[in-house]
Amino acid sequence: MNKRIIYSITILQFIFLAHSCKKEAEEIQGGGGGTTETLSAPTLSIPSNGSQNLWPPITFSWSAVSGATSYEIEAKYYGNTGQLNGLLFSKTSSTNSYSHTQGMHSSFNDETIYWKVRAKNSSGVSDWSAMWSFNLHN
């Protein structure tokens, strides 16, 4: 076979493969021909950043995000390692608020809790909101 023909076939295969990969990546990201709505990160509102002397029940609230069908809320604390890796809870809410009514062990007294929220829909998730904190005290 002629070297020119082999190179031509190889280049055509490369172009086809590159086009296929690009199209697949667009479909995975939601850009496959249709339009997708990018979700913005929620803005936290309650409890306010730096709140003191809270104890369950605690109501969390944030701005509604256009296009969101649910929200994921996480609350963490500093574990024994000195890193923010203690998960107090991770919940999904269909509205832009969540009430944490579960009782807490007395060992959480005077603990600082850090919380954040992100919006979700069938196309994906938003970035996390800013992280706010509050202090537990019973």
N, C-alpha and C. Protein backbone atom coordinates (compact mmCIF):
# COMPACT_ATOMS: atom_id res chain seq x y z
N MET A 1 0.84 -1.17 0.00
CA MET A 1 0.00 0.00 0.00
C MET A 1 0.89 1.24 0.00
N ASN A 2 0.44 2.24 -0.64
CA ASN A 2 1.17 3.50 -0.77
C ASN A 2 1.19 4.24 0.57
N LYS A 3 2.36 4.82 0.94
CA LYS A 3 2.50 5.53 2.21
C LYS A 3 1.54 6.71 2.30
N ARG A 4 1.28 7.38 1.18
CA ARG A 4 0.36 8.51 1.18
C ARG A 4 -1.05 8.08 1.57
N ILE A 5 -1.48 6.96 1.09
CA ILE A 5 -2.81 6.46 1.41
C ILE A 5 -2.89 6.12 2.90
N ILE A 6 -1.86 5.48 3.43
CA ILE A 6 -1.84 5.11 4.85
C ILE A 6 -1.89 6.36 5.72
N TYR A 7 -1.07 7.37 5.37
CA TYR A 7 -1.09 8.62 6.14
C TYR A 7 -2.44 9.31 6.05
N SER A 8 -3.05 9.31 4.88
CA SER A 8 -4.36 9.94 4.69
C SER A 8 -5.41 9.25 5.55
N ILE A 9 -5.40 7.92 5.56
CA ILE A 9 -6.35 7.19 6.38
C ILE A 9 -6.12 7.48 7.86
N THR A 10 -4.87 7.50 8.28
CA THR A 10 -4.54 7.76 9.68
C THR A 10 -5.00 9.15 10.10
N ILE A 11 -4.78 10.15 9.26
CA ILE A 11 -5.20 11.51 9.57
C ILE A 11 -6.72 11.59 9.64
N LEU A 12 -7.42 10.95 8.70
CA LEU A 12 -8.87 10.95 8.73
C LEU A 12 -9.40 10.25 10.00
N GLN A 13 -8.76 9.15 10.40
CA GLN A 13 -9.17 8.47 11.63
C GLN A 13 -8.97 9.37 12.85
N PHE A 14 -7.85 10.09 12.86
CA PHE A 14 -7.57 11.00 13.97
C PHE A 14 -8.62 12.10 14.05
N ILE A 15 -8.96 12.70 12.90
CA ILE A 15 -9.95 13.77 12.87
C ILE A 15 -11.31 13.24 13.34
N PHE A 16 -11.69 12.06 12.87
CA PHE A 16 -12.96 11.48 13.29
C PHE A 16 -12.98 11.21 14.80
N LEU A 17 -11.89 10.64 15.30
CA LEU A 17 -11.79 10.35 16.72
C LEU A 17 -11.86 11.63 17.55
N ALA A 18 -11.14 12.66 17.14
CA ALA A 18 -11.15 13.93 17.86
C ALA A 18 -12.54 14.54 17.88
N HIS A 19 -13.23 14.49 16.74
CA HIS A 19 -14.59 15.02 16.65
C HIS A 19 -15.54 14.22 17.56
N SER A 20 -15.42 12.91 17.55
CA SER A 20 -16.27 12.05 18.37
C SER A 20 -16.05 12.32 19.86
N CYS A 21 -14.79 12.48 20.28
CA CYS A 21 -14.49 12.76 21.68
C CYS A 21 -15.06 14.10 22.10
N LYS A 22 -14.94 15.11 21.23
CA LYS A 22 -15.47 16.44 21.54
C LYS A 22 -16.98 16.38 21.69
N LYS A 23 -17.65 15.68 20.78
CA LYS A 23 -19.11 15.57 20.83
C LYS A 23 -19.55 14.83 22.10
N GLU A 24 -18.84 13.76 22.46
CA GLU A 24 -19.17 13.01 23.67
C GLU A 24 -18.97 13.88 24.91
N ALA A 25 -17.90 14.65 24.94
CA ALA A 25 -17.65 15.54 26.09
C ALA A 25 -18.76 16.59 26.21
N GLU A 26 -19.22 17.13 25.09
CA GLU A 26 -20.31 18.11 25.12
C GLU A 26 -21.59 17.49 25.65
N GLU A 27 -21.87 16.24 25.24
CA GLU A 27 -23.08 15.57 25.70
C GLU A 27 -23.01 15.30 27.20
N ILE A 28 -21.84 14.90 27.68
CA ILE A 28 -21.67 14.64 29.11
C ILE A 28 -21.88 15.92 29.90
N GLN A 29 -21.38 17.05 29.38
CA GLN A 29 -21.51 18.33 30.06
C GLN A 29 -22.87 18.98 29.81
N GLY A 30 -23.68 18.33 28.98
CA GLY A 30 -25.02 18.87 28.71
C GLY A 30 -25.06 19.81 27.54
N GLY A 31 -24.03 19.87 26.74
CA GLY A 31 -24.00 20.79 25.61
C GLY A 31 -24.28 20.13 24.29
N GLY A 32 -24.86 18.97 24.27
CA GLY A 32 -25.08 18.22 23.05
C GLY A 32 -26.24 18.73 22.24
N GLY A 33 -26.15 19.93 21.73
CA GLY A 33 -27.17 20.46 20.85
C GLY A 33 -28.19 21.32 21.58
N GLY A 34 -28.63 20.93 22.77
CA GLY A 34 -29.60 21.72 23.52
C GLY A 34 -28.90 22.72 24.40
N THR A 35 -29.69 23.50 25.07
CA THR A 35 -29.09 24.45 26.00
C THR A 35 -29.26 23.92 27.41
N THR A 36 -28.31 24.17 28.25
CA THR A 36 -28.41 23.77 29.63
C THR A 36 -28.31 25.01 30.50
N GLU A 37 -28.96 24.94 31.60
CA GLU A 37 -28.96 26.06 32.53
C GLU A 37 -27.91 25.82 33.60
N THR A 38 -26.99 26.75 33.72
CA THR A 38 -25.98 26.66 34.77
C THR A 38 -26.61 27.17 36.06
N LEU A 39 -26.52 26.34 37.07
CA LEU A 39 -27.08 26.72 38.37
C LEU A 39 -26.10 27.62 39.11
N SER A 40 -26.61 28.69 39.68
CA SER A 40 -25.76 29.54 40.50
C SER A 40 -25.73 28.99 41.92
N ALA A 41 -24.70 29.33 42.64
CA ALA A 41 -24.57 28.89 44.03
C ALA A 41 -25.58 29.65 44.89
N PRO A 42 -26.22 28.97 45.83
CA PRO A 42 -27.14 29.67 46.73
C PRO A 42 -26.41 30.66 47.63
N THR A 43 -27.14 31.62 48.15
CA THR A 43 -26.63 32.56 49.13
C THR A 43 -27.25 32.22 50.48
N LEU A 44 -26.42 32.00 51.48
CA LEU A 44 -26.91 31.61 52.80
C LEU A 44 -27.58 32.80 53.50
N SER A 45 -28.59 32.49 54.34
CA SER A 45 -29.23 33.58 55.07
C SER A 45 -29.41 33.28 56.57
N ILE A 46 -29.87 32.08 56.94
CA ILE A 46 -30.10 31.76 58.35
C ILE A 46 -29.56 30.37 58.64
N PRO A 47 -28.87 30.13 59.75
CA PRO A 47 -28.43 31.10 60.75
C PRO A 47 -27.33 32.00 60.19
N SER A 48 -27.32 33.22 60.63
CA SER A 48 -26.34 34.17 60.11
C SER A 48 -24.93 33.75 60.50
N ASN A 49 -23.99 34.17 59.70
CA ASN A 49 -22.58 33.82 59.92
C ASN A 49 -22.12 34.35 61.29
N GLY A 50 -21.57 33.45 62.08
CA GLY A 50 -21.07 33.83 63.39
C GLY A 50 -22.11 33.79 64.51
N SER A 51 -23.31 33.28 64.23
CA SER A 51 -24.35 33.18 65.26
C SER A 51 -23.84 32.40 66.47
N GLN A 52 -24.34 32.77 67.63
CA GLN A 52 -23.91 32.16 68.89
C GLN A 52 -25.09 31.50 69.61
N ASN A 53 -24.75 30.51 70.45
CA ASN A 53 -25.70 29.91 71.38
C ASN A 53 -26.91 29.25 70.72
N LEU A 54 -26.69 28.52 69.63
CA LEU A 54 -27.77 27.78 68.98
C LEU A 54 -27.77 26.34 69.46
N TRP A 55 -28.96 25.74 69.45
CA TRP A 55 -29.10 24.32 69.80
C TRP A 55 -30.34 23.82 69.09
N PRO A 56 -30.36 22.58 68.64
CA PRO A 56 -31.53 22.08 67.90
C PRO A 56 -32.83 22.27 68.67
N PRO A 57 -33.90 22.57 67.94
CA PRO A 57 -34.00 22.59 66.49
C PRO A 57 -33.38 23.86 65.89
N ILE A 58 -32.68 23.69 64.77
CA ILE A 58 -32.04 24.80 64.08
C ILE A 58 -32.58 24.83 62.66
N THR A 59 -33.06 25.99 62.23
CA THR A 59 -33.55 26.14 60.87
C THR A 59 -32.47 26.79 60.01
N PHE A 60 -32.21 26.18 58.88
CA PHE A 60 -31.25 26.69 57.90
C PHE A 60 -32.05 27.21 56.71
N SER A 61 -31.63 28.35 56.17
CA SER A 61 -32.33 28.94 55.04
C SER A 61 -31.32 29.59 54.09
N TRP A 62 -31.63 29.60 52.81
CA TRP A 62 -30.76 30.16 51.78
C TRP A 62 -31.61 30.63 50.61
N SER A 63 -31.01 31.36 49.69
CA SER A 63 -31.74 31.88 48.53
C SER A 63 -32.15 30.75 47.61
N ALA A 64 -33.34 30.89 47.02
CA ALA A 64 -33.79 29.93 46.01
C ALA A 64 -32.98 30.17 44.74
N VAL A 65 -32.63 29.11 44.04
CA VAL A 65 -31.86 29.20 42.80
C VAL A 65 -32.76 28.80 41.64
N SER A 66 -32.83 29.66 40.64
CA SER A 66 -33.64 29.39 39.46
C SER A 66 -33.17 28.10 38.79
N GLY A 67 -34.10 27.18 38.53
CA GLY A 67 -33.78 25.92 37.86
C GLY A 67 -33.43 24.79 38.81
N ALA A 68 -33.27 25.09 40.08
CA ALA A 68 -32.92 24.04 41.06
C ALA A 68 -34.16 23.22 41.40
N THR A 69 -33.96 21.91 41.52
CA THR A 69 -35.04 21.03 41.93
C THR A 69 -34.83 20.53 43.36
N SER A 70 -33.61 20.65 43.85
CA SER A 70 -33.31 20.29 45.24
C SER A 70 -32.01 20.97 45.66
N TYR A 71 -31.71 20.85 46.93
CA TYR A 71 -30.51 21.44 47.50
C TYR A 71 -29.83 20.42 48.41
N GLU A 72 -28.52 20.46 48.42
CA GLU A 72 -27.75 19.62 49.33
C GLU A 72 -27.14 20.54 50.38
N ILE A 73 -27.35 20.20 51.63
CA ILE A 73 -26.79 21.00 52.73
C ILE A 73 -25.86 20.11 53.54
N GLU A 74 -24.70 20.64 53.86
CA GLU A 74 -23.73 19.93 54.69
C GLU A 74 -23.36 20.78 55.89
N ALA A 75 -23.23 20.15 57.03
CA ALA A 75 -22.76 20.81 58.24
C ALA A 75 -21.60 19.98 58.79
N LYS A 76 -20.47 20.65 59.04
CA LYS A 76 -19.25 19.96 59.49
C LYS A 76 -18.66 20.65 60.71
N TYR A 77 -17.76 19.95 61.34
CA TYR A 77 -17.03 20.50 62.48
C TYR A 77 -15.61 19.96 62.43
N TYR A 78 -14.74 20.57 63.20
CA TYR A 78 -13.35 20.12 63.26
C TYR A 78 -13.29 18.86 64.11
N GLY A 79 -12.80 17.79 63.50
CA GLY A 79 -12.67 16.53 64.22
C GLY A 79 -11.40 16.48 65.04
N ASN A 80 -11.10 15.30 65.55
CA ASN A 80 -9.91 15.10 66.38
C ASN A 80 -8.61 15.39 65.65
N THR A 81 -8.65 15.37 64.31
CA THR A 81 -7.43 15.58 63.52
C THR A 81 -7.12 17.06 63.33
N GLY A 82 -8.00 17.93 63.78
CA GLY A 82 -7.78 19.36 63.59
C GLY A 82 -8.16 19.82 62.19
N GLN A 83 -8.83 18.94 61.43
CA GLN A 83 -9.27 19.29 60.09
C GLN A 83 -10.80 19.31 60.06
N LEU A 84 -11.33 20.06 59.14
CA LEU A 84 -12.79 20.18 59.00
C LEU A 84 -13.32 18.93 58.30
N ASN A 85 -13.30 17.82 59.03
CA ASN A 85 -13.72 16.56 58.42
C ASN A 85 -14.79 15.83 59.22
N GLY A 86 -15.24 16.41 60.30
CA GLY A 86 -16.33 15.80 61.05
C GLY A 86 -17.65 16.18 60.41
N LEU A 87 -18.37 15.18 59.89
CA LEU A 87 -19.65 15.46 59.23
C LEU A 87 -20.77 15.36 60.25
N LEU A 88 -21.39 16.48 60.54
CA LEU A 88 -22.54 16.50 61.45
C LEU A 88 -23.76 15.94 60.73
N PHE A 89 -24.01 16.45 59.51
CA PHE A 89 -25.05 15.89 58.67
C PHE A 89 -24.87 16.35 57.23
N SER A 90 -25.44 15.58 56.32
CA SER A 90 -25.54 15.91 54.91
C SER A 90 -26.95 15.52 54.49
N LYS A 91 -27.75 16.49 54.09
CA LYS A 91 -29.16 16.25 53.78
C LYS A 91 -29.52 16.86 52.44
N THR A 92 -30.59 16.36 51.86
CA THR A 92 -31.15 16.92 50.64
C THR A 92 -32.51 17.50 50.98
N SER A 93 -32.76 18.70 50.47
CA SER A 93 -34.03 19.38 50.71
C SER A 93 -34.65 19.77 49.37
N SER A 94 -35.96 19.63 49.25
CA SER A 94 -36.64 20.04 48.02
C SER A 94 -36.98 21.53 48.03
N THR A 95 -36.76 22.18 49.16
CA THR A 95 -37.01 23.62 49.27
C THR A 95 -35.72 24.32 49.71
N ASN A 96 -35.77 25.64 49.79
CA ASN A 96 -34.57 26.39 50.17
C ASN A 96 -34.48 26.60 51.68
N SER A 97 -34.88 25.57 52.42
CA SER A 97 -34.69 25.58 53.87
C SER A 97 -34.66 24.15 54.38
N TYR A 98 -34.11 23.99 55.57
CA TYR A 98 -34.03 22.69 56.22
C TYR A 98 -34.03 22.92 57.73
N SER A 99 -34.79 22.12 58.45
CA SER A 99 -34.82 22.23 59.90
C SER A 99 -34.17 20.99 60.50
N HIS A 100 -33.09 21.21 61.22
CA HIS A 100 -32.38 20.11 61.88
C HIS A 100 -32.96 19.97 63.28
N THR A 101 -33.73 18.91 63.47
CA THR A 101 -34.42 18.71 64.74
C THR A 101 -33.80 17.60 65.58
N GLN A 102 -32.88 16.87 64.97
CA GLN A 102 -32.25 15.76 65.69
C GLN A 102 -31.46 16.29 66.88
N GLY A 103 -31.65 15.66 68.03
CA GLY A 103 -30.91 16.07 69.21
C GLY A 103 -29.41 15.86 69.04
N MET A 104 -28.64 16.55 69.85
CA MET A 104 -27.18 16.43 69.78
C MET A 104 -26.63 16.00 71.12
N HIS A 105 -25.57 15.26 71.04
CA HIS A 105 -24.88 14.82 72.25
C HIS A 105 -24.27 16.04 72.94
N SER A 106 -24.19 15.99 74.24
CA SER A 106 -23.66 17.13 75.00
C SER A 106 -22.21 17.45 74.63
N SER A 107 -21.50 16.51 74.00
CA SER A 107 -20.11 16.77 73.60
C SER A 107 -20.03 17.85 72.51
N PHE A 108 -21.17 18.16 71.86
CA PHE A 108 -21.19 19.22 70.85
C PHE A 108 -21.38 20.61 71.47
N ASN A 109 -21.57 20.68 72.78
CA ASN A 109 -21.71 21.97 73.44
C ASN A 109 -20.46 22.80 73.20
N ASP A 110 -20.63 24.04 72.80
CA ASP A 110 -19.55 24.99 72.48
C ASP A 110 -18.76 24.62 71.23
N GLU A 111 -19.31 23.77 70.39
CA GLU A 111 -18.66 23.39 69.12
C GLU A 111 -19.05 24.40 68.04
N THR A 112 -18.12 24.75 67.18
CA THR A 112 -18.42 25.60 66.03
C THR A 112 -18.76 24.70 64.85
N ILE A 113 -19.89 24.99 64.22
CA ILE A 113 -20.38 24.22 63.08
C ILE A 113 -20.25 25.08 61.82
N TYR A 114 -19.78 24.47 60.76
CA TYR A 114 -19.60 25.13 59.47
C TYR A 114 -20.59 24.52 58.49
N TRP A 115 -21.34 25.36 57.78
CA TRP A 115 -22.36 24.83 56.87
C TRP A 115 -22.30 25.50 55.51
N LYS A 116 -22.75 24.73 54.50
CA LYS A 116 -22.77 25.21 53.12
C LYS A 116 -23.88 24.48 52.38
N VAL A 117 -24.28 25.03 51.23
CA VAL A 117 -25.38 24.49 50.44
C VAL A 117 -25.02 24.59 48.96
N ARG A 118 -25.52 23.63 48.17
CA ARG A 118 -25.43 23.75 46.72
C ARG A 118 -26.75 23.32 46.10
N ALA A 119 -27.04 23.90 44.94
CA ALA A 119 -28.28 23.60 44.21
C ALA A 119 -28.05 22.41 43.29
N LYS A 120 -29.13 21.68 43.02
CA LYS A 120 -29.06 20.50 42.15
C LYS A 120 -30.25 20.46 41.20
N ASN A 121 -30.04 19.88 40.03
CA ASN A 121 -31.13 19.52 39.12
C ASN A 121 -30.64 18.36 38.25
N SER A 122 -31.43 17.96 37.28
CA SER A 122 -31.08 16.79 36.47
C SER A 122 -29.82 17.01 35.63
N SER A 123 -29.44 18.27 35.41
CA SER A 123 -28.23 18.56 34.62
C SER A 123 -26.96 18.58 35.46
N GLY A 124 -27.08 18.68 36.78
CA GLY A 124 -25.89 18.70 37.61
C GLY A 124 -26.08 19.48 38.90
N VAL A 125 -24.97 19.99 39.41
CA VAL A 125 -24.97 20.72 40.67
C VAL A 125 -24.27 22.06 40.51
N SER A 126 -24.62 22.99 41.36
CA SER A 126 -23.94 24.28 41.37
C SER A 126 -22.65 24.17 42.18
N ASP A 127 -21.89 25.24 42.20
CA ASP A 127 -20.79 25.33 43.14
C ASP A 127 -21.39 25.42 44.54
N TRP A 128 -20.59 25.10 45.53
CA TRP A 128 -21.04 25.27 46.91
C TRP A 128 -21.19 26.76 47.21
N SER A 129 -22.08 27.08 48.09
CA SER A 129 -22.21 28.44 48.59
C SER A 129 -20.97 28.78 49.40
N ALA A 130 -20.90 30.01 49.84
CA ALA A 130 -19.87 30.36 50.83
C ALA A 130 -20.13 29.50 52.06
N MET A 131 -19.11 29.26 52.85
CA MET A 131 -19.29 28.49 54.08
C MET A 131 -19.43 29.44 55.25
N TRP A 132 -20.51 29.26 56.02
CA TRP A 132 -20.75 30.06 57.20
C TRP A 132 -20.60 29.19 58.44
N SER A 133 -20.49 29.84 59.57
CA SER A 133 -20.34 29.09 60.83
C SER A 133 -21.29 29.63 61.89
N PHE A 134 -21.54 28.79 62.89
CA PHE A 134 -22.29 29.20 64.07
C PHE A 134 -21.82 28.35 65.23
N ASN A 135 -22.12 28.81 66.43
CA ASN A 135 -21.68 28.13 67.64
C ASN A 135 -22.86 27.46 68.34
N LEU A 136 -22.65 26.19 68.71
CA LEU A 136 -23.66 25.47 69.48
C LEU A 136 -23.45 25.71 70.96
N HIS A 137 -24.54 25.92 71.66
CA HIS A 137 -24.44 26.05 73.12
C HIS A 137 -25.79 25.65 73.72
N ASN A 138 -25.73 24.71 74.64
CA ASN A 138 -26.96 24.23 75.28
C ASN A 138 -27.06 24.80 76.69
